[in-house]
Amino acid sequence: MATPYQIVNPLGVENLEDIFSVITSSVLKVVIPVAVLLYIYAGVNMLIAAGRPAYVARAKQIFQYTTIGLLVIFIGGGFVDLIRSILNAGQ
């Protein structure tokens, strides 16, 4: 008699809500260190600018876009939690 083939769940989750939680935490583990590196890079650009407007503008732009990206990521996570709480309110 042949043994049945069993598929292992690599994420260890059972429902869609848990999948979103795993994905969100994984994205945050990557995004936050990247943002820190971008802030450091922008700071170094600001230091080596030596008054050159092009370098200063590029450093400010990196600061601005990194901050906007982080805000979008954090607000997106809060939005997912808000939708989850609305859907669970009727239970």
PDB file of N, CA and C in Angstrom:
ATOM      1  N   MET A   1       0.841  -1.171   0.000  1.00  0.00           N
ATOM      2  CA  MET A   1       0.000   0.000   0.000  1.00  0.00           C
ATOM      3  C   MET A   1       0.893   1.242   0.000  1.00  0.00           C
ATOM      4  N   ALA A   2       0.559   2.209  -0.823  1.00  0.00           N
ATOM      5  CA  ALA A   2       1.340   3.437  -0.940  1.00  0.00           C
ATOM      6  C   ALA A   2       0.958   4.407   0.169  1.00  0.00           C
ATOM      7  N   THR A   3       1.949   5.121   0.663  1.00  0.00           N
ATOM      8  CA  THR A   3       1.657   6.122   1.690  1.00  0.00           C
ATOM      9  C   THR A   3       1.141   7.387   1.021  1.00  0.00           C
ATOM     10  N   PRO A   4       0.179   8.047   1.637  1.00  0.00           N
ATOM     11  CA  PRO A   4      -0.365   9.268   1.025  1.00  0.00           C
ATOM     12  C   PRO A   4       0.662  10.394   1.055  1.00  0.00           C
ATOM     13  N   TYR A   5       0.613  11.225   0.040  1.00  0.00           N
ATOM     14  CA  TYR A   5       1.518  12.369  -0.048  1.00  0.00           C
ATOM     15  C   TYR A   5       0.943  13.504   0.775  1.00  0.00           C
ATOM     16  N   GLN A   6       1.758  14.115   1.585  1.00  0.00           N
ATOM     17  CA  GLN A   6       1.293  15.170   2.467  1.00  0.00           C
ATOM     18  C   GLN A   6       2.017  16.470   2.120  1.00  0.00           C
ATOM     19  N   ILE A   7       1.245  17.548   1.952  1.00  0.00           N
ATOM     20  CA  ILE A   7       1.803  18.856   1.647  1.00  0.00           C
ATOM     21  C   ILE A   7       1.960  19.626   2.952  1.00  0.00           C
ATOM     22  N   VAL A   8       3.164  20.123   3.182  1.00  0.00           N
ATOM     23  CA  VAL A   8       3.454  20.853   4.407  1.00  0.00           C
ATOM     24  C   VAL A   8       3.162  22.334   4.177  1.00  0.00           C
ATOM     25  N   ASN A   9       2.493  22.959   5.127  1.00  0.00           N
ATOM     26  CA  ASN A   9       2.182  24.382   5.060  1.00  0.00           C
ATOM     27  C   ASN A   9       3.424  25.174   5.454  1.00  0.00           C
ATOM     28  N   PRO A  10       4.093  25.851   4.501  1.00  0.00           N
ATOM     29  CA  PRO A  10       5.351  26.525   4.830  1.00  0.00           C
ATOM     30  C   PRO A  10       5.180  27.764   5.710  1.00  0.00           C
ATOM     31  N   LEU A  11       4.025  28.417   5.642  1.00  0.00           N
ATOM     32  CA  LEU A  11       3.803  29.619   6.440  1.00  0.00           C
ATOM     33  C   LEU A  11       3.281  29.308   7.832  1.00  0.00           C
ATOM     34  N   GLY A  12       2.669  28.165   7.999  1.00  0.00           N
ATOM     35  CA  GLY A  12       2.119  27.807   9.293  1.00  0.00           C
ATOM     36  C   GLY A  12       0.880  28.592   9.668  1.00  0.00           C
ATOM     37  N   VAL A  13       0.118  29.048   8.669  1.00  0.00           N
ATOM     38  CA  VAL A  13      -1.100  29.808   8.939  1.00  0.00           C
ATOM     39  C   VAL A  13      -2.300  29.044   8.411  1.00  0.00           C
ATOM     40  N   GLU A  14      -3.443  29.383   8.968  1.00  0.00           N
ATOM     41  CA  GLU A  14      -4.661  28.668   8.600  1.00  0.00           C
ATOM     42  C   GLU A  14      -5.683  29.527   7.867  1.00  0.00           C
ATOM     43  N   ASN A  15      -5.594  30.862   7.983  1.00  0.00           N
ATOM     44  CA  ASN A  15      -6.597  31.704   7.344  1.00  0.00           C
ATOM     45  C   ASN A  15      -5.943  32.927   6.695  1.00  0.00           C
ATOM     46  N   LEU A  16      -6.746  33.690   5.988  1.00  0.00           N
ATOM     47  CA  LEU A  16      -6.265  34.836   5.223  1.00  0.00           C
ATOM     48  C   LEU A  16      -5.742  35.949   6.126  1.00  0.00           C
ATOM     49  N   GLU A  17      -6.347  36.138   7.256  1.00  0.00           N
ATOM     50  CA  GLU A  17      -5.918  37.179   8.200  1.00  0.00           C
ATOM     51  C   GLU A  17      -4.487  36.922   8.678  1.00  0.00           C
ATOM     52  N   ASP A  18      -4.183  35.674   8.974  1.00  0.00           N
ATOM     53  CA  ASP A  18      -2.832  35.332   9.415  1.00  0.00           C
ATOM     54  C   ASP A  18      -1.818  35.489   8.284  1.00  0.00           C
ATOM     55  N   ILE A  19      -2.231  35.235   7.057  1.00  0.00           N
ATOM     56  CA  ILE A  19      -1.339  35.422   5.904  1.00  0.00           C
ATOM     57  C   ILE A  19      -0.966  36.894   5.779  1.00  0.00           C
ATOM     58  N   PHE A  20      -1.944  37.802   5.931  1.00  0.00           N
ATOM     59  CA  PHE A  20      -1.653  39.232   5.876  1.00  0.00           C
ATOM     60  C   PHE A  20      -0.703  39.643   6.996  1.00  0.00           C
ATOM     61  N   SER A  21      -0.875  39.079   8.172  1.00  0.00           N
ATOM     62  CA  SER A  21       0.010  39.402   9.296  1.00  0.00           C
ATOM     63  C   SER A  21       1.441  38.956   9.018  1.00  0.00           C
ATOM     64  N   VAL A  22       1.595  37.769   8.451  1.00  0.00           N
ATOM     65  CA  VAL A  22       2.935  37.262   8.131  1.00  0.00           C
ATOM     66  C   VAL A  22       3.584  38.124   7.054  1.00  0.00           C
ATOM     67  N   ILE A  23       2.824  38.482   6.037  1.00  0.00           N
ATOM     68  CA  ILE A  23       3.368  39.307   4.952  1.00  0.00           C
ATOM     69  C   ILE A  23       3.744  40.689   5.469  1.00  0.00           C
ATOM     70  N   THR A  24       2.882  41.290   6.287  1.00  0.00           N
ATOM     71  CA  THR A  24       3.154  42.627   6.828  1.00  0.00           C
ATOM     72  C   THR A  24       4.411  42.639   7.685  1.00  0.00           C
ATOM     73  N   SER A  25       4.550  41.655   8.546  1.00  0.00           N
ATOM     74  CA  SER A  25       5.737  41.617   9.399  1.00  0.00           C
ATOM     75  C   SER A  25       7.000  41.366   8.574  1.00  0.00           C
ATOM     76  N   SER A  26       6.894  40.568   7.524  1.00  0.00           N
ATOM     77  CA  SER A  26       8.048  40.317   6.659  1.00  0.00           C
ATOM     78  C   SER A  26       8.452  41.575   5.904  1.00  0.00           C
ATOM     79  N   VAL A  27       7.477  42.319   5.420  1.00  0.00           N
ATOM     80  CA  VAL A  27       7.771  43.557   4.695  1.00  0.00           C
ATOM     81  C   VAL A  27       8.427  44.569   5.636  1.00  0.00           C
ATOM     82  N   LEU A  28       7.936  44.675   6.855  1.00  0.00           N
ATOM     83  CA  LEU A  28       8.520  45.619   7.811  1.00  0.00           C
ATOM     84  C   LEU A  28       9.954  45.248   8.167  1.00  0.00           C
ATOM     85  N   LYS A  29      10.253  43.953   8.221  1.00  0.00           N
ATOM     86  CA  LYS A  29      11.607  43.518   8.529  1.00  0.00           C
ATOM     87  C   LYS A  29      12.593  43.912   7.434  1.00  0.00           C
ATOM     88  N   VAL A  30      12.097  44.136   6.225  1.00  0.00           N
ATOM     89  CA  VAL A  30      12.960  44.544   5.117  1.00  0.00           C
ATOM     90  C   VAL A  30      12.960  46.059   4.954  1.00  0.00           C
ATOM     91  N   VAL A  31      11.806  46.681   5.073  1.00  0.00           N
ATOM     92  CA  VAL A  31      11.664  48.106   4.777  1.00  0.00           C
ATOM     93  C   VAL A  31      12.384  48.991   5.792  1.00  0.00           C
ATOM     94  N   ILE A  32      12.294  48.678   7.059  1.00  0.00           N
ATOM     95  CA  ILE A  32      12.885  49.548   8.076  1.00  0.00           C
ATOM     96  C   ILE A  32      14.412  49.621   7.952  1.00  0.00           C
ATOM     97  N   PRO A  33      15.131  48.503   7.804  1.00  0.00           N
ATOM     98  CA  PRO A  33      16.586  48.639   7.601  1.00  0.00           C
ATOM     99  C   PRO A  33      16.951  49.374   6.306  1.00  0.00           C
ATOM    100  N   VAL A  34      16.174  49.174   5.252  1.00  0.00           N
ATOM    101  CA  VAL A  34      16.436  49.891   4.001  1.00  0.00           C
ATOM    102  C   VAL A  34      16.246  51.391   4.211  1.00  0.00           C
ATOM    103  N   ALA A  35      15.215  51.769   4.947  1.00  0.00           N
ATOM    104  CA  ALA A  35      14.976  53.187   5.219  1.00  0.00           C
ATOM    105  C   ALA A  35      16.111  53.787   6.042  1.00  0.00           C
ATOM    106  N   VAL A  36      16.612  53.049   7.014  1.00  0.00           N
ATOM    107  CA  VAL A  36      17.732  53.535   7.816  1.00  0.00           C
ATOM    108  C   VAL A  36      18.951  53.756   6.926  1.00  0.00           C
ATOM    109  N   LEU A  37      19.235  52.808   6.046  1.00  0.00           N
ATOM    110  CA  LEU A  37      20.362  52.966   5.120  1.00  0.00           C
ATOM    111  C   LEU A  37      20.172  54.164   4.200  1.00  0.00           C
ATOM    112  N   LEU A  38      18.942  54.400   3.743  1.00  0.00           N
ATOM    113  CA  LEU A  38      18.683  55.559   2.891  1.00  0.00           C
ATOM    114  C   LEU A  38      18.861  56.869   3.654  1.00  0.00           C
ATOM    115  N   TYR A  39      18.442  56.908   4.928  1.00  0.00           N
ATOM    116  CA  TYR A  39      18.665  58.107   5.733  1.00  0.00           C
ATOM    117  C   TYR A  39      20.156  58.360   5.928  1.00  0.00           C
ATOM    118  N   ILE A  40      20.919  57.307   6.172  1.00  0.00           N
ATOM    119  CA  ILE A  40      22.368  57.459   6.322  1.00  0.00           C
ATOM    120  C   ILE A  40      22.985  57.953   5.019  1.00  0.00           C
ATOM    121  N   TYR A  41      22.558  57.381   3.896  1.00  0.00           N
ATOM    122  CA  TYR A  41      23.070  57.799   2.594  1.00  0.00           C
ATOM    123  C   TYR A  41      22.753  59.273   2.324  1.00  0.00           C
ATOM    124  N   ALA A  42      21.532  59.682   2.657  1.00  0.00           N
ATOM    125  CA  ALA A  42      21.153  61.082   2.458  1.00  0.00           C
ATOM    126  C   ALA A  42      21.968  62.001   3.369  1.00  0.00           C
ATOM    127  N   GLY A  43      22.217  61.566   4.590  1.00  0.00           N
ATOM    128  CA  GLY A  43      23.028  62.359   5.499  1.00  0.00           C
ATOM    129  C   GLY A  43      24.460  62.510   5.011  1.00  0.00           C
ATOM    130  N   VAL A  44      25.018  61.436   4.477  1.00  0.00           N
ATOM    131  CA  VAL A  44      26.367  61.514   3.921  1.00  0.00           C
ATOM    132  C   VAL A  44      26.383  62.452   2.715  1.00  0.00           C
ATOM    133  N   ASN A  45      25.369  62.364   1.878  1.00  0.00           N
ATOM    134  CA  ASN A  45      25.285  63.291   0.739  1.00  0.00           C
ATOM    135  C   ASN A  45      25.202  64.739   1.206  1.00  0.00           C
ATOM    136  N   MET A  46      24.483  64.984   2.288  1.00  0.00           N
ATOM    137  CA  MET A  46      24.375  66.338   2.818  1.00  0.00           C
ATOM    138  C   MET A  46      25.735  66.810   3.351  1.00  0.00           C
ATOM    139  N   LEU A  47      26.475  65.901   3.974  1.00  0.00           N
ATOM    140  CA  LEU A  47      27.781  66.269   4.516  1.00  0.00           C
ATOM    141  C   LEU A  47      28.806  66.564   3.424  1.00  0.00           C
ATOM    142  N   ILE A  48      28.773  65.791   2.346  1.00  0.00           N
ATOM    143  CA  ILE A  48      29.772  65.997   1.300  1.00  0.00           C
ATOM    144  C   ILE A  48      29.332  67.021   0.262  1.00  0.00           C
ATOM    145  N   ALA A  49      28.161  67.605   0.465  1.00  0.00           N
ATOM    146  CA  ALA A  49      27.648  68.574  -0.509  1.00  0.00           C
ATOM    147  C   ALA A  49      28.538  69.805  -0.597  1.00  0.00           C
ATOM    148  N   ALA A  50      29.062  70.241   0.521  1.00  0.00           N
ATOM    149  CA  ALA A  50      29.953  71.412   0.580  1.00  0.00           C
ATOM    150  C   ALA A  50      29.352  72.621  -0.136  1.00  0.00           C
ATOM    151  N   GLY A  51      28.061  72.795   0.048  1.00  0.00           N
ATOM    152  CA  GLY A  51      27.409  73.967  -0.521  1.00  0.00           C
ATOM    153  C   GLY A  51      26.961  73.825  -1.961  1.00  0.00           C
ATOM    154  N   ARG A  52      27.203  72.686  -2.569  1.00  0.00           N
ATOM    155  CA  ARG A  52      26.758  72.495  -3.956  1.00  0.00           C
ATOM    156  C   ARG A  52      25.254  72.206  -3.958  1.00  0.00           C
ATOM    157  N   PRO A  53      24.504  73.040  -4.639  1.00  0.00           N
ATOM    158  CA  PRO A  53      23.040  72.913  -4.591  1.00  0.00           C
ATOM    159  C   PRO A  53      22.514  71.581  -5.120  1.00  0.00           C
ATOM    160  N   ALA A  54      23.181  70.977  -6.086  1.00  0.00           N
ATOM    161  CA  ALA A  54      22.694  69.716  -6.648  1.00  0.00           C
ATOM    162  C   ALA A  54      22.762  68.594  -5.605  1.00  0.00           C
ATOM    163  N   TYR A  55      23.851  68.538  -4.844  1.00  0.00           N
ATOM    164  CA  TYR A  55      23.982  67.508  -3.813  1.00  0.00           C
ATOM    165  C   TYR A  55      22.996  67.736  -2.671  1.00  0.00           C
ATOM    166  N   VAL A  56      22.831  68.986  -2.283  1.00  0.00           N
ATOM    167  CA  VAL A  56      21.889  69.307  -1.209  1.00  0.00           C
ATOM    168  C   VAL A  56      20.465  68.950  -1.635  1.00  0.00           C
ATOM    169  N   ALA A  57      20.117  69.276  -2.867  1.00  0.00           N
ATOM    170  CA  ALA A  57      18.768  68.966  -3.370  1.00  0.00           C
ATOM    171  C   ALA A  57      18.544  67.463  -3.432  1.00  0.00           C
ATOM    172  N   ARG A  58      19.564  66.716  -3.857  1.00  0.00           N
ATOM    173  CA  ARG A  58      19.425  65.261  -3.936  1.00  0.00           C
ATOM    174  C   ARG A  58      19.263  64.662  -2.541  1.00  0.00           C
ATOM    175  N   ALA A  59      20.027  65.153  -1.562  1.00  0.00           N
ATOM    176  CA  ALA A  59      19.912  64.645  -0.201  1.00  0.00           C
ATOM    177  C   ALA A  59      18.534  64.946   0.385  1.00  0.00           C
ATOM    178  N   LYS A  60      18.036  66.148   0.149  1.00  0.00           N
ATOM    179  CA  LYS A  60      16.690  66.503   0.638  1.00  0.00           C
ATOM    180  C   LYS A  60      15.627  65.629  -0.015  1.00  0.00           C
ATOM    181  N   GLN A  61      15.810  65.345  -1.291  1.00  0.00           N
ATOM    182  CA  GLN A  61      14.846  64.512  -2.010  1.00  0.00           C
ATOM    183  C   GLN A  61      14.858  63.079  -1.456  1.00  0.00           C
ATOM    184  N   ILE A  62      16.028  62.561  -1.138  1.00  0.00           N
ATOM    185  CA  ILE A  62      16.115  61.219  -0.550  1.00  0.00           C
ATOM    186  C   ILE A  62      15.430  61.201   0.811  1.00  0.00           C
ATOM    187  N   PHE A  63      15.684  62.210   1.651  1.00  0.00           N
ATOM    188  CA  PHE A  63      15.000  62.312   2.944  1.00  0.00           C
ATOM    189  C   PHE A  63      13.490  62.335   2.760  1.00  0.00           C
ATOM    190  N   GLN A  64      13.034  63.157   1.830  1.00  0.00           N
ATOM    191  CA  GLN A  64      11.602  63.325   1.605  1.00  0.00           C
ATOM    192  C   GLN A  64      10.961  62.030   1.133  1.00  0.00           C
ATOM    193  N   TYR A  65      11.534  61.393   0.124  1.00  0.00           N
ATOM    194  CA  TYR A  65      10.924  60.178  -0.422  1.00  0.00           C
ATOM    195  C   TYR A  65      10.983  59.009   0.559  1.00  0.00           C
ATOM    196  N   THR A  66      12.047  58.932   1.338  1.00  0.00           N
ATOM    197  CA  THR A  66      12.136  57.870   2.337  1.00  0.00           C
ATOM    198  C   THR A  66      11.080  58.064   3.417  1.00  0.00           C
ATOM    199  N   THR A  67      10.888  59.295   3.858  1.00  0.00           N
ATOM    200  CA  THR A  67       9.875  59.576   4.871  1.00  0.00           C
ATOM    201  C   THR A  67       8.473  59.285   4.338  1.00  0.00           C
ATOM    202  N   ILE A  68       8.196  59.692   3.112  1.00  0.00           N
ATOM    203  CA  ILE A  68       6.887  59.417   2.518  1.00  0.00           C
ATOM    204  C   ILE A  68       6.663  57.913   2.390  1.00  0.00           C
ATOM    205  N   GLY A  69       7.686  57.180   1.977  1.00  0.00           N
ATOM    206  CA  GLY A  69       7.571  55.729   1.858  1.00  0.00           C
ATOM    207  C   GLY A  69       7.277  55.065   3.185  1.00  0.00           C
ATOM    208  N   LEU A  70       7.970  55.499   4.233  1.00  0.00           N
ATOM    209  CA  LEU A  70       7.707  54.934   5.560  1.00  0.00           C
ATOM    210  C   LEU A  70       6.301  55.256   6.041  1.00  0.00           C
ATOM    211  N   LEU A  71       5.856  56.474   5.794  1.00  0.00           N
ATOM    212  CA  LEU A  71       4.487  56.836   6.182  1.00  0.00           C
ATOM    213  C   LEU A  71       3.460  55.977   5.462  1.00  0.00           C
ATOM    214  N   VAL A  72       3.672  55.738   4.191  1.00  0.00           N
ATOM    215  CA  VAL A  72       2.743  54.895   3.430  1.00  0.00           C
ATOM    216  C   VAL A  72       2.727  53.482   3.998  1.00  0.00           C
ATOM    217  N   ILE A  73       3.889  52.945   4.313  1.00  0.00           N
ATOM    218  CA  ILE A  73       3.963  51.591   4.873  1.00  0.00           C
ATOM    219  C   ILE A  73       3.248  51.516   6.222  1.00  0.00           C
ATOM    220  N   PHE A  74       3.518  52.479   7.107  1.00  0.00           N
ATOM    221  CA  PHE A  74       2.899  52.442   8.436  1.00  0.00           C
ATOM    222  C   PHE A  74       1.400  52.722   8.385  1.00  0.00           C
ATOM    223  N   ILE A  75       0.983  53.662   7.550  1.00  0.00           N
ATOM    224  CA  ILE A  75      -0.452  53.939   7.423  1.00  0.00           C
ATOM    225  C   ILE A  75      -1.159  52.750   6.784  1.00  0.00           C
ATOM    226  N   GLY A  76      -0.501  52.100   5.840  1.00  0.00           N
ATOM    227  CA  GLY A  76      -1.088  50.909   5.217  1.00  0.00           C
ATOM    228  C   GLY A  76      -1.308  49.802   6.231  1.00  0.00           C
ATOM    229  N   GLY A  77      -0.348  49.614   7.137  1.00  0.00           N
ATOM    230  CA  GLY A  77      -0.516  48.615   8.192  1.00  0.00           C
ATOM    231  C   GLY A  77      -1.656  48.974   9.121  1.00  0.00           C
ATOM    232  N   GLY A  78      -1.786  50.234   9.448  1.00  0.00           N
ATOM    233  CA  GLY A  78      -2.902  50.677  10.283  1.00  0.00           C
ATOM    234  C   GLY A  78      -4.234  50.523   9.580  1.00  0.00           C
ATOM    235  N   PHE A  79      -4.235  50.737   8.266  1.00  0.00           N
ATOM    236  CA  PHE A  79      -5.463  50.587   7.491  1.00  0.00           C
ATOM    237  C   PHE A  79      -5.916  49.129   7.479  1.00  0.00           C
ATOM    238  N   VAL A  80      -4.971  48.208   7.358  1.00  0.00           N
ATOM    239  CA  VAL A  80      -5.313  46.784   7.397  1.00  0.00           C
ATOM    240  C   VAL A  80      -5.898  46.425   8.749  1.00  0.00           C
ATOM    241  N   ASP A  81      -5.314  46.945   9.830  1.00  0.00           N
ATOM    242  CA  ASP A  81      -5.857  46.677  11.170  1.00  0.00           C
ATOM    243  C   ASP A  81      -7.252  47.277  11.337  1.00  0.00           C
ATOM    244  N   LEU A  82      -7.472  48.468  10.761  1.00  0.00           N
ATOM    245  CA  LEU A  82      -8.790  49.098  10.827  1.00  0.00           C
ATOM    246  C   LEU A  82      -9.842  48.256  10.110  1.00  0.00           C
ATOM    247  N   ILE A  83      -9.541  47.790   8.921  1.00  0.00           N
ATOM    248  CA  ILE A  83     -10.482  46.949   8.172  1.00  0.00           C
ATOM    249  C   ILE A  83     -10.740  45.648   8.918  1.00  0.00           C
ATOM    250  N   ARG A  84      -9.691  45.072   9.498  1.00  0.00           N
ATOM    251  CA  ARG A  84      -9.848  43.834  10.258  1.00  0.00           C
ATOM    252  C   ARG A  84     -10.773  44.049  11.455  1.00  0.00           C
ATOM    253  N   SER A  85     -10.622  45.176  12.165  1.00  0.00           N
ATOM    254  CA  SER A  85     -11.477  45.433  13.324  1.00  0.00           C
ATOM    255  C   SER A  85     -12.914  45.714  12.904  1.00  0.00           C
ATOM    256  N   ILE A  86     -13.118  46.347  11.753  1.00  0.00           N
ATOM    257  CA  ILE A  86     -14.477  46.596  11.259  1.00  0.00           C
ATOM    258  C   ILE A  86     -15.145  45.276  10.908  1.00  0.00           C
ATOM    259  N   LEU A  87     -14.409  44.377  10.253  1.00  0.00           N
ATOM    260  CA  LEU A  87     -14.989  43.096   9.865  1.00  0.00           C
ATOM    261  C   LEU A  87     -15.276  42.210  11.080  1.00  0.00           C
ATOM    262  N   ASN A  88     -14.494  42.353  12.141  1.00  0.00           N
ATOM    263  CA  ASN A  88     -14.698  41.543  13.337  1.00  0.00           C
ATOM    264  C   ASN A  88     -15.692  42.182  14.308  1.00  0.00           C
ATOM    265  N   ALA A  89     -16.165  43.391  14.029  1.00  0.00           N
ATOM    266  CA  ALA A  89     -17.068  44.100  14.949  1.00  0.00           C
ATOM    267  C   ALA A  89     -18.414  43.400  15.063  1.00  0.00           C
ATOM    268  N   GLY A  90     -18.877  42.742  14.028  1.00  0.00           N
ATOM    269  CA  GLY A  90     -20.185  42.088  14.049  1.00  0.00           C
ATOM    270  C   GLY A  90     -20.169  40.746  14.723  1.00  0.00           C
ATOM    271  N   GLN A  91     -19.035  40.291  15.179  1.00  0.00           N
ATOM    272  CA  GLN A  91     -18.965  38.944  15.771  1.00  0.00           C
ATOM    273  C   GLN A  91     -19.018  38.973  17.262  1.00  0.00           C
TER     274      GLN A  91
END
